[in-house]
Amino acid sequence: MPDLTPRTIVQLVALDETGDSYYRMRWPAVQLAAQAPHWRVINLDATASERYVWAEMADLLVLIQCADPDMLPVIDKRRVPSRPILFTRI
């Protein structure tokens, strides 16, 4: 039987209202969540104050074009328990 434990993917990106933001990040997240209902996808703007809390607790952290040096301690904390991080450039 598959593992249906609730999981969270957090995507951090500079959100804007362009088509690029929708078809590269938002719409794929919606499709993923629809295909795997036990996964929730949270899209946060890279400047959101709560980004550090969500980034630390996510099952998968996706950093999209991230150049924020303040995220380095979060990345280090995630490496200790070996929590996955996906770095991507759009």
PDB file of N, CA and C in Angstrom:
ATOM      1  N   MET A   1       0.851  -1.185   0.000  1.00  0.00           N
ATOM      2  CA  MET A   1       0.000   0.000   0.000  1.00  0.00           C
ATOM      3  C   MET A   1       0.895   1.246   0.000  1.00  0.00           C
ATOM      4  N   PRO A   2       0.567   2.241  -0.816  1.00  0.00           N
ATOM      5  CA  PRO A   2       1.406   3.442  -0.882  1.00  0.00           C
ATOM      6  C   PRO A   2       1.331   4.265   0.406  1.00  0.00           C
ATOM      7  N   ASP A   3       2.405   5.004   0.668  1.00  0.00           N
ATOM      8  CA  ASP A   3       2.467   5.883   1.832  1.00  0.00           C
ATOM      9  C   ASP A   3       1.628   7.125   1.548  1.00  0.00           C
ATOM     10  N   LEU A   4       0.558   7.321   2.294  1.00  0.00           N
ATOM     11  CA  LEU A   4      -0.327   8.465   2.103  1.00  0.00           C
ATOM     12  C   LEU A   4      -0.192   9.487   3.220  1.00  0.00           C
ATOM     13  N   THR A   5       0.962   9.482   3.879  1.00  0.00           N
ATOM     14  CA  THR A   5       1.226  10.476   4.908  1.00  0.00           C
ATOM     15  C   THR A   5       1.182  11.866   4.275  1.00  0.00           C
ATOM     16  N   PRO A   6       0.468  12.818   4.877  1.00  0.00           N
ATOM     17  CA  PRO A   6       0.438  14.170   4.307  1.00  0.00           C
ATOM     18  C   PRO A   6       1.843  14.759   4.183  1.00  0.00           C
ATOM     19  N   ARG A   7       2.129  15.341   3.044  1.00  0.00           N
ATOM     20  CA  ARG A   7       3.437  15.930   2.754  1.00  0.00           C
ATOM     21  C   ARG A   7       3.250  17.359   2.249  1.00  0.00           C
ATOM     22  N   THR A   8       4.300  18.155   2.420  1.00  0.00           N
ATOM     23  CA  THR A   8       4.245  19.552   2.001  1.00  0.00           C
ATOM     24  C   THR A   8       5.434  19.903   1.124  1.00  0.00           C
ATOM     25  N   ILE A   9       5.133  20.507  -0.019  1.00  0.00           N
ATOM     26  CA  ILE A   9       6.153  21.085  -0.888  1.00  0.00           C
ATOM     27  C   ILE A   9       6.015  22.595  -0.771  1.00  0.00           C
ATOM     28  N   VAL A  10       7.114  23.263  -0.480  1.00  0.00           N
ATOM     29  CA  VAL A  10       7.126  24.723  -0.436  1.00  0.00           C
ATOM     30  C   VAL A  10       8.001  25.222  -1.575  1.00  0.00           C
ATOM     31  N   GLN A  11       7.429  26.090  -2.403  1.00  0.00           N
ATOM     32  CA  GLN A  11       8.172  26.714  -3.485  1.00  0.00           C
ATOM     33  C   GLN A  11       8.363  28.187  -3.145  1.00  0.00           C
ATOM     34  N   LEU A  12       9.616  28.622  -3.139  1.00  0.00           N
ATOM     35  CA  LEU A  12       9.924  30.030  -2.898  1.00  0.00           C
ATOM     36  C   LEU A  12      10.398  30.654  -4.197  1.00  0.00           C
ATOM     37  N   VAL A  13       9.744  31.720  -4.594  1.00  0.00           N
ATOM     38  CA  VAL A  13      10.067  32.382  -5.855  1.00  0.00           C
ATOM     39  C   VAL A  13       9.575  33.816  -5.785  1.00  0.00           C
ATOM     40  N   ALA A  14      10.164  34.666  -6.598  1.00  0.00           N
ATOM     41  CA  ALA A  14       9.662  36.032  -6.728  1.00  0.00           C
ATOM     42  C   ALA A  14       8.370  35.954  -7.534  1.00  0.00           C
ATOM     43  N   LEU A  15       7.244  35.977  -6.843  1.00  0.00           N
ATOM     44  CA  LEU A  15       5.945  35.837  -7.501  1.00  0.00           C
ATOM     45  C   LEU A  15       5.589  37.123  -8.235  1.00  0.00           C
ATOM     46  N   ASP A  16       5.064  36.961  -9.412  1.00  0.00           N
ATOM     47  CA  ASP A  16       4.541  38.098 -10.158  1.00  0.00           C
ATOM     48  C   ASP A  16       3.320  37.614 -10.923  1.00  0.00           C
ATOM     49  N   GLU A  17       2.699  38.478 -11.611  1.00  0.00           N
ATOM     50  CA  GLU A  17       1.465  38.129 -12.316  1.00  0.00           C
ATOM     51  C   GLU A  17       1.692  37.890 -13.810  1.00  0.00           C
ATOM     52  N   THR A  18       2.887  37.446 -14.163  1.00  0.00           N
ATOM     53  CA  THR A  18       3.166  37.155 -15.569  1.00  0.00           C
ATOM     54  C   THR A  18       2.783  35.716 -15.886  1.00  0.00           C
ATOM     55  N   GLY A  19       2.623  35.444 -17.153  1.00  0.00           N
ATOM     56  CA  GLY A  19       2.321  34.081 -17.580  1.00  0.00           C
ATOM     57  C   GLY A  19       3.419  33.111 -17.200  1.00  0.00           C
ATOM     58  N   ASP A  20       4.656  33.586 -17.211  1.00  0.00           N
ATOM     59  CA  ASP A  20       5.794  32.748 -16.858  1.00  0.00           C
ATOM     60  C   ASP A  20       5.640  32.172 -15.452  1.00  0.00           C
ATOM     61  N   SER A  21       5.224  33.005 -14.525  1.00  0.00           N
ATOM     62  CA  SER A  21       5.023  32.563 -13.138  1.00  0.00           C
ATOM     63  C   SER A  21       3.932  31.500 -13.059  1.00  0.00           C
ATOM     64  N   TYR A  22       2.918  31.635 -13.884  1.00  0.00           N
ATOM     65  CA  TYR A  22       1.820  30.680 -13.845  1.00  0.00           C
ATOM     66  C   TYR A  22       2.184  29.350 -14.481  1.00  0.00           C
ATOM     67  N   TYR A  23       2.710  29.358 -15.694  1.00  0.00           N
ATOM     68  CA  TYR A  23       2.894  28.079 -16.372  1.00  0.00           C
ATOM     69  C   TYR A  23       4.159  27.350 -15.955  1.00  0.00           C
ATOM     70  N   ARG A  24       5.090  28.013 -15.315  1.00  0.00           N
ATOM     71  CA  ARG A  24       6.302  27.323 -14.858  1.00  0.00           C
ATOM     72  C   ARG A  24       6.246  26.916 -13.390  1.00  0.00           C
ATOM     73  N   MET A  25       5.426  27.581 -12.594  1.00  0.00           N
ATOM     74  CA  MET A  25       5.435  27.290 -11.177  1.00  0.00           C
ATOM     75  C   MET A  25       4.037  27.003 -10.617  1.00  0.00           C
ATOM     76  N   ARG A  26       3.107  27.899 -10.802  1.00  0.00           N
ATOM     77  CA  ARG A  26       1.798  27.747 -10.151  1.00  0.00           C
ATOM     78  C   ARG A  26       0.975  26.605 -10.734  1.00  0.00           C
ATOM     79  N   TRP A  27       0.813  26.557 -12.050  1.00  0.00           N
ATOM     80  CA  TRP A  27      -0.012  25.501 -12.644  1.00  0.00           C
ATOM     81  C   TRP A  27       0.568  24.113 -12.440  1.00  0.00           C
ATOM     82  N   PRO A  28       1.882  23.908 -12.582  1.00  0.00           N
ATOM     83  CA  PRO A  28       2.413  22.567 -12.270  1.00  0.00           C
ATOM     84  C   PRO A  28       2.166  22.164 -10.814  1.00  0.00           C
ATOM     85  N   ALA A  29       2.221  23.132  -9.902  1.00  0.00           N
ATOM     86  CA  ALA A  29       1.958  22.820  -8.496  1.00  0.00           C
ATOM     87  C   ALA A  29       0.511  22.364  -8.300  1.00  0.00           C
ATOM     88  N   VAL A  30      -0.407  23.023  -8.972  1.00  0.00           N
ATOM     89  CA  VAL A  30      -1.819  22.632  -8.891  1.00  0.00           C
ATOM     90  C   VAL A  30      -2.004  21.216  -9.436  1.00  0.00           C
ATOM     91  N   GLN A  31      -1.347  20.903 -10.554  1.00  0.00           N
ATOM     92  CA  GLN A  31      -1.465  19.579 -11.154  1.00  0.00           C
ATOM     93  C   GLN A  31      -0.876  18.493 -10.249  1.00  0.00           C
ATOM     94  N   LEU A  32       0.257  18.792  -9.643  1.00  0.00           N
ATOM     95  CA  LEU A  32       0.874  17.833  -8.722  1.00  0.00           C
ATOM     96  C   LEU A  32      -0.052  17.543  -7.551  1.00  0.00           C
ATOM     97  N   ALA A  33      -0.596  18.585  -6.961  1.00  0.00           N
ATOM     98  CA  ALA A  33      -1.502  18.401  -5.829  1.00  0.00           C
ATOM     99  C   ALA A  33      -2.764  17.638  -6.238  1.00  0.00           C
ATOM    100  N   ALA A  34      -3.237  17.837  -7.449  1.00  0.00           N
ATOM    101  CA  ALA A  34      -4.429  17.126  -7.919  1.00  0.00           C
ATOM    102  C   ALA A  34      -4.141  15.637  -8.122  1.00  0.00           C
ATOM    103  N   GLN A  35      -2.923  15.310  -8.561  1.00  0.00           N
ATOM    104  CA  GLN A  35      -2.562  13.917  -8.814  1.00  0.00           C
ATOM    105  C   GLN A  35      -2.189  13.162  -7.547  1.00  0.00           C
ATOM    106  N   ALA A  36      -1.738  13.886  -6.551  1.00  0.00           N
ATOM    107  CA  ALA A  36      -1.338  13.261  -5.291  1.00  0.00           C
ATOM    108  C   ALA A  36      -1.983  14.046  -4.146  1.00  0.00           C
ATOM    109  N   PRO A  37      -3.230  13.722  -3.811  1.00  0.00           N
ATOM    110  CA  PRO A  37      -3.980  14.522  -2.835  1.00  0.00           C
ATOM    111  C   PRO A  37      -3.344  14.598  -1.448  1.00  0.00           C
ATOM    112  N   HIS A  38      -2.450  13.691  -1.123  1.00  0.00           N
ATOM    113  CA  HIS A  38      -1.798  13.753   0.185  1.00  0.00           C
ATOM    114  C   HIS A  38      -0.626  14.733   0.192  1.00  0.00           C
ATOM    115  N   TRP A  39      -0.317  15.311  -0.950  1.00  0.00           N
ATOM    116  CA  TRP A  39       0.707  16.360  -1.059  1.00  0.00           C
ATOM    117  C   TRP A  39       0.011  17.702  -1.138  1.00  0.00           C
ATOM    118  N   ARG A  40       0.509  18.666  -0.383  1.00  0.00           N
ATOM    119  CA  ARG A  40       0.030  20.036  -0.558  1.00  0.00           C
ATOM    120  C   ARG A  40       1.206  20.869  -1.035  1.00  0.00           C
ATOM    121  N   VAL A  41       0.926  21.808  -1.905  1.00  0.00           N
ATOM    122  CA  VAL A  41       1.956  22.669  -2.466  1.00  0.00           C
ATOM    123  C   VAL A  41       1.672  24.098  -2.028  1.00  0.00           C
ATOM    124  N   ILE A  42       2.659  24.709  -1.415  1.00  0.00           N
ATOM    125  CA  ILE A  42       2.528  26.085  -0.951  1.00  0.00           C
ATOM    126  C   ILE A  42       3.523  26.932  -1.726  1.00  0.00           C
ATOM    127  N   ASN A  43       3.006  27.930  -2.441  1.00  0.00           N
ATOM    128  CA  ASN A  43       3.843  28.856  -3.183  1.00  0.00           C
ATOM    129  C   ASN A  43       3.973  30.133  -2.361  1.00  0.00           C
ATOM    130  N   LEU A  44       5.199  30.487  -2.057  1.00  0.00           N
ATOM    131  CA  LEU A  44       5.436  31.707  -1.280  1.00  0.00           C
ATOM    132  C   LEU A  44       6.344  32.647  -2.044  1.00  0.00           C
ATOM    133  N   ASP A  45       6.056  33.915  -1.915  1.00  0.00           N
ATOM    134  CA  ASP A  45       6.944  34.911  -2.475  1.00  0.00           C
ATOM    135  C   ASP A  45       8.268  34.858  -1.709  1.00  0.00           C
ATOM    136  N   ALA A  46       9.350  35.052  -2.415  1.00  0.00           N
ATOM    137  CA  ALA A  46      10.684  34.962  -1.815  1.00  0.00           C
ATOM    138  C   ALA A  46      10.924  36.019  -0.738  1.00  0.00           C
ATOM    139  N   THR A  47      10.045  37.012  -0.650  1.00  0.00           N
ATOM    140  CA  THR A  47      10.206  38.041   0.381  1.00  0.00           C
ATOM    141  C   THR A  47       9.209  37.890   1.530  1.00  0.00           C
ATOM    142  N   ALA A  48       8.389  36.860   1.505  1.00  0.00           N
ATOM    143  CA  ALA A  48       7.381  36.666   2.553  1.00  0.00           C
ATOM    144  C   ALA A  48       8.060  36.453   3.908  1.00  0.00           C
ATOM    145  N   SER A  49       7.534  37.079   4.929  1.00  0.00           N
ATOM    146  CA  SER A  49       8.159  36.980   6.256  1.00  0.00           C
ATOM    147  C   SER A  49       8.134  35.546   6.795  1.00  0.00           C
ATOM    148  N   GLU A  50       7.131  34.756   6.430  1.00  0.00           N
ATOM    149  CA  GLU A  50       7.010  33.394   6.938  1.00  0.00           C
ATOM    150  C   GLU A  50       7.809  32.374   6.132  1.00  0.00           C
ATOM    151  N   ARG A  51       8.601  32.832   5.163  1.00  0.00           N
ATOM    152  CA  ARG A  51       9.332  31.898   4.295  1.00  0.00           C
ATOM    153  C   ARG A  51      10.309  31.017   5.070  1.00  0.00           C
ATOM    154  N   TYR A  52      10.921  31.517   6.116  1.00  0.00           N
ATOM    155  CA  TYR A  52      11.902  30.725   6.865  1.00  0.00           C
ATOM    156  C   TYR A  52      11.230  29.577   7.619  1.00  0.00           C
ATOM    157  N   VAL A  53      10.104  29.861   8.240  1.00  0.00           N
ATOM    158  CA  VAL A  53       9.377  28.822   8.990  1.00  0.00           C
ATOM    159  C   VAL A  53       8.916  27.722   8.043  1.00  0.00           C
ATOM    160  N   TRP A  54       8.271  28.099   6.935  1.00  0.00           N
ATOM    161  CA  TRP A  54       7.792  27.113   5.976  1.00  0.00           C
ATOM    162  C   TRP A  54       8.944  26.355   5.324  1.00  0.00           C
ATOM    163  N   ALA A  55      10.029  27.061   5.021  1.00  0.00           N
ATOM    164  CA  ALA A  55      11.179  26.419   4.369  1.00  0.00           C
ATOM    165  C   ALA A  55      11.801  25.352   5.262  1.00  0.00           C
ATOM    166  N   GLU A  56      11.826  25.589   6.544  1.00  0.00           N
ATOM    167  CA  GLU A  56      12.420  24.603   7.462  1.00  0.00           C
ATOM    168  C   GLU A  56      11.538  23.382   7.640  1.00  0.00           C
ATOM    169  N   MET A  57      10.218  23.546   7.617  1.00  0.00           N
ATOM    170  CA  MET A  57       9.347  22.411   7.925  1.00  0.00           C
ATOM    171  C   MET A  57       8.847  21.658   6.694  1.00  0.00           C
ATOM    172  N   ALA A  58       9.102  22.153   5.507  1.00  0.00           N
ATOM    173  CA  ALA A  58       8.619  21.494   4.296  1.00  0.00           C
ATOM    174  C   ALA A  58       9.276  20.129   4.096  1.00  0.00           C
ATOM    175  N   ASP A  59       8.517  19.203   3.542  1.00  0.00           N
ATOM    176  CA  ASP A  59       9.089  17.903   3.189  1.00  0.00           C
ATOM    177  C   ASP A  59      10.008  18.044   1.974  1.00  0.00           C
ATOM    178  N   LEU A  60       9.654  18.949   1.075  1.00  0.00           N
ATOM    179  CA  LEU A  60      10.503  19.272  -0.066  1.00  0.00           C
ATOM    180  C   LEU A  60      10.492  20.786  -0.230  1.00  0.00           C
ATOM    181  N   LEU A  61      11.661  21.382  -0.265  1.00  0.00           N
ATOM    182  CA  LEU A  61      11.802  22.820  -0.480  1.00  0.00           C
ATOM    183  C   LEU A  61      12.298  23.048  -1.897  1.00  0.00           C
ATOM    184  N   VAL A  62      11.589  23.875  -2.650  1.00  0.00           N
ATOM    185  CA  VAL A  62      11.982  24.219  -4.008  1.00  0.00           C
ATOM    186  C   VAL A  62      12.358  25.694  -4.014  1.00  0.00           C
ATOM    187  N   LEU A  63      13.612  25.963  -4.311  1.00  0.00           N
ATOM    188  CA  LEU A  63      14.103  27.344  -4.394  1.00  0.00           C
ATOM    189  C   LEU A  63      14.260  27.689  -5.868  1.00  0.00           C
ATOM    190  N   ILE A  64      13.485  28.626  -6.324  1.00  0.00           N
ATOM    191  CA  ILE A  64      13.482  28.996  -7.734  1.00  0.00           C
ATOM    192  C   ILE A  64      14.190  30.333  -7.886  1.00  0.00           C
ATOM    193  N   GLN A  65      15.302  30.308  -8.588  1.00  0.00           N
ATOM    194  CA  GLN A  65      16.122  31.497  -8.812  1.00  0.00           C
ATOM    195  C   GLN A  65      16.398  32.236  -7.505  1.00  0.00           C
ATOM    196  N   CYS A  66      16.801  31.505  -6.516  1.00  0.00           N
ATOM    197  CA  CYS A  66      17.028  32.085  -5.199  1.00  0.00           C
ATOM    198  C   CYS A  66      18.463  32.591  -5.077  1.00  0.00           C
ATOM    199  N   ALA A  67      18.594  33.855  -4.730  1.00  0.00           N
ATOM    200  CA  ALA A  67      19.909  34.450  -4.490  1.00  0.00           C
ATOM    201  C   ALA A  67      19.917  35.130  -3.128  1.00  0.00           C
ATOM    202  N   ASP A  68      19.088  34.638  -2.217  1.00  0.00           N
ATOM    203  CA  ASP A  68      18.933  35.238  -0.894  1.00  0.00           C
ATOM    204  C   ASP A  68      19.935  34.620   0.079  1.00  0.00           C
ATOM    205  N   PRO A  69      20.971  35.364   0.483  1.00  0.00           N
ATOM    206  CA  PRO A  69      21.945  34.796   1.421  1.00  0.00           C
ATOM    207  C   PRO A  69      21.347  34.472   2.786  1.00  0.00           C
ATOM    208  N   ASP A  70      20.198  35.061   3.115  1.00  0.00           N
ATOM    209  CA  ASP A  70      19.545  34.749   4.382  1.00  0.00           C
ATOM    210  C   ASP A  70      18.954  33.345   4.400  1.00  0.00           C
ATOM    211  N   MET A  71      18.864  32.706   3.237  1.00  0.00           N
ATOM    212  CA  MET A  71      18.368  31.325   3.186  1.00  0.00           C
ATOM    213  C   MET A  71      19.463  30.308   3.505  1.00  0.00           C
ATOM    214  N   LEU A  72      20.718  30.726   3.516  1.00  0.00           N
ATOM    215  CA  LEU A  72      21.820  29.780   3.763  1.00  0.00           C
ATOM    216  C   LEU A  72      21.686  29.046   5.099  1.00  0.00           C
ATOM    217  N   PRO A  73      21.339  29.721   6.213  1.00  0.00           N
ATOM    218  CA  PRO A  73      21.151  28.962   7.460  1.00  0.00           C
ATOM    219  C   PRO A  73      20.017  27.941   7.370  1.00  0.00           C
ATOM    220  N   VAL A  74      18.972  28.275   6.635  1.00  0.00           N
ATOM    221  CA  VAL A  74      17.859  27.335   6.454  1.00  0.00           C
ATOM    222  C   VAL A  74      18.334  26.118   5.668  1.00  0.00           C
ATOM    223  N   ILE A  75      19.105  26.358   4.629  1.00  0.00           N
ATOM    224  CA  ILE A  75      19.645  25.255   3.827  1.00  0.00           C
ATOM    225  C   ILE A  75      20.527  24.361   4.699  1.00  0.00           C
ATOM    226  N   ASP A  76      21.367  24.963   5.517  1.00  0.00           N
ATOM    227  CA  ASP A  76      22.216  24.174   6.424  1.00  0.00           C
ATOM    228  C   ASP A  76      21.387  23.343   7.392  1.00  0.00           C
ATOM    229  N   LYS A  77      20.322  23.923   7.953  1.00  0.00           N
ATOM    230  CA  LYS A  77      19.460  23.177   8.887  1.00  0.00           C
ATOM    231  C   LYS A  77      18.782  21.999   8.196  1.00  0.00           C
ATOM    232  N   ARG A  78      18.419  22.165   6.940  1.00  0.00           N
ATOM    233  CA  ARG A  78      17.744  21.086   6.212  1.00  0.00           C
ATOM    234  C   ARG A  78      18.705  19.960   5.853  1.00  0.00           C
ATOM    235  N   ARG A  79      19.971  20.263   5.740  1.00  0.00           N
ATOM    236  CA  ARG A  79      20.954  19.229   5.378  1.00  0.00           C
ATOM    237  C   ARG A  79      21.207  18.250   6.521  1.00  0.00           C
ATOM    238  N   VAL A  80      21.097  18.705   7.746  1.00  0.00           N
ATOM    239  CA  VAL A  80      21.384  17.838   8.896  1.00  0.00           C
ATOM    240  C   VAL A  80      20.453  16.621   8.925  1.00  0.00           C
ATOM    241  N   PRO A  81      19.123  16.801   8.872  1.00  0.00           N
ATOM    242  CA  PRO A  81      18.273  15.608   8.812  1.00  0.00           C
ATOM    243  C   PRO A  81      18.099  15.085   7.392  1.00  0.00           C
ATOM    244  N   SER A  82      18.852  15.638   6.453  1.00  0.00           N
ATOM    245  CA  SER A  82      18.818  15.209   5.051  1.00  0.00           C
ATOM    246  C   SER A  82      17.435  15.405   4.430  1.00  0.00           C
ATOM    247  N   ARG A  83      16.921  16.622   4.558  1.00  0.00           N
ATOM    248  CA  ARG A  83      15.627  16.967   3.962  1.00  0.00           C
ATOM    249  C   ARG A  83      15.881  17.551   2.576  1.00  0.00           C
ATOM    250  N   PRO A  84      15.195  17.085   1.567  1.00  0.00           N
ATOM    251  CA  PRO A  84      15.512  17.465   0.191  1.00  0.00           C
ATOM    252  C   PRO A  84      15.230  18.930  -0.139  1.00  0.00           C
ATOM    253  N   ILE A  85      16.128  19.461  -0.967  1.00  0.00           N
ATOM    254  CA  ILE A  85      16.009  20.812  -1.506  1.00  0.00           C
ATOM    255  C   ILE A  85      16.231  20.716  -3.007  1.00  0.00           C
ATOM    256  N   LEU A  86      15.375  21.367  -3.754  1.00  0.00           N
ATOM    257  CA  LEU A  86      15.529  21.415  -5.198  1.00  0.00           C
ATOM    258  C   LEU A  86      15.839  22.872  -5.577  1.00  0.00           C
ATOM    259  N   PHE A  87      16.984  23.062  -6.197  1.00  0.00           N
ATOM    260  CA  PHE A  87      17.372  24.384  -6.686  1.00  0.00           C
ATOM    261  C   PHE A  87      17.089  24.407  -8.181  1.00  0.00           C
ATOM    262  N   THR A  88      16.412  25.439  -8.634  1.00  0.00           N
ATOM    263  CA  THR A  88      16.081  25.499 -10.055  1.00  0.00           C
ATOM    264  C   THR A  88      16.186  26.915 -10.589  1.00  0.00           C
ATOM    265  N   ARG A  89      16.525  26.986 -11.847  1.00  0.00           N
ATOM    266  CA  ARG A  89      16.522  28.254 -12.572  1.00  0.00           C
ATOM    267  C   ARG A  89      15.473  28.143 -13.653  1.00  0.00           C
ATOM    268  N   ILE A  90      14.610  29.114 -13.724  1.00  0.00           N
ATOM    269  CA  ILE A  90      13.564  29.093 -14.748  1.00  0.00           C
ATOM    270  C   ILE A  90      14.090  29.794 -15.975  1.00  0.00           C
TER     271      ILE A  90
END
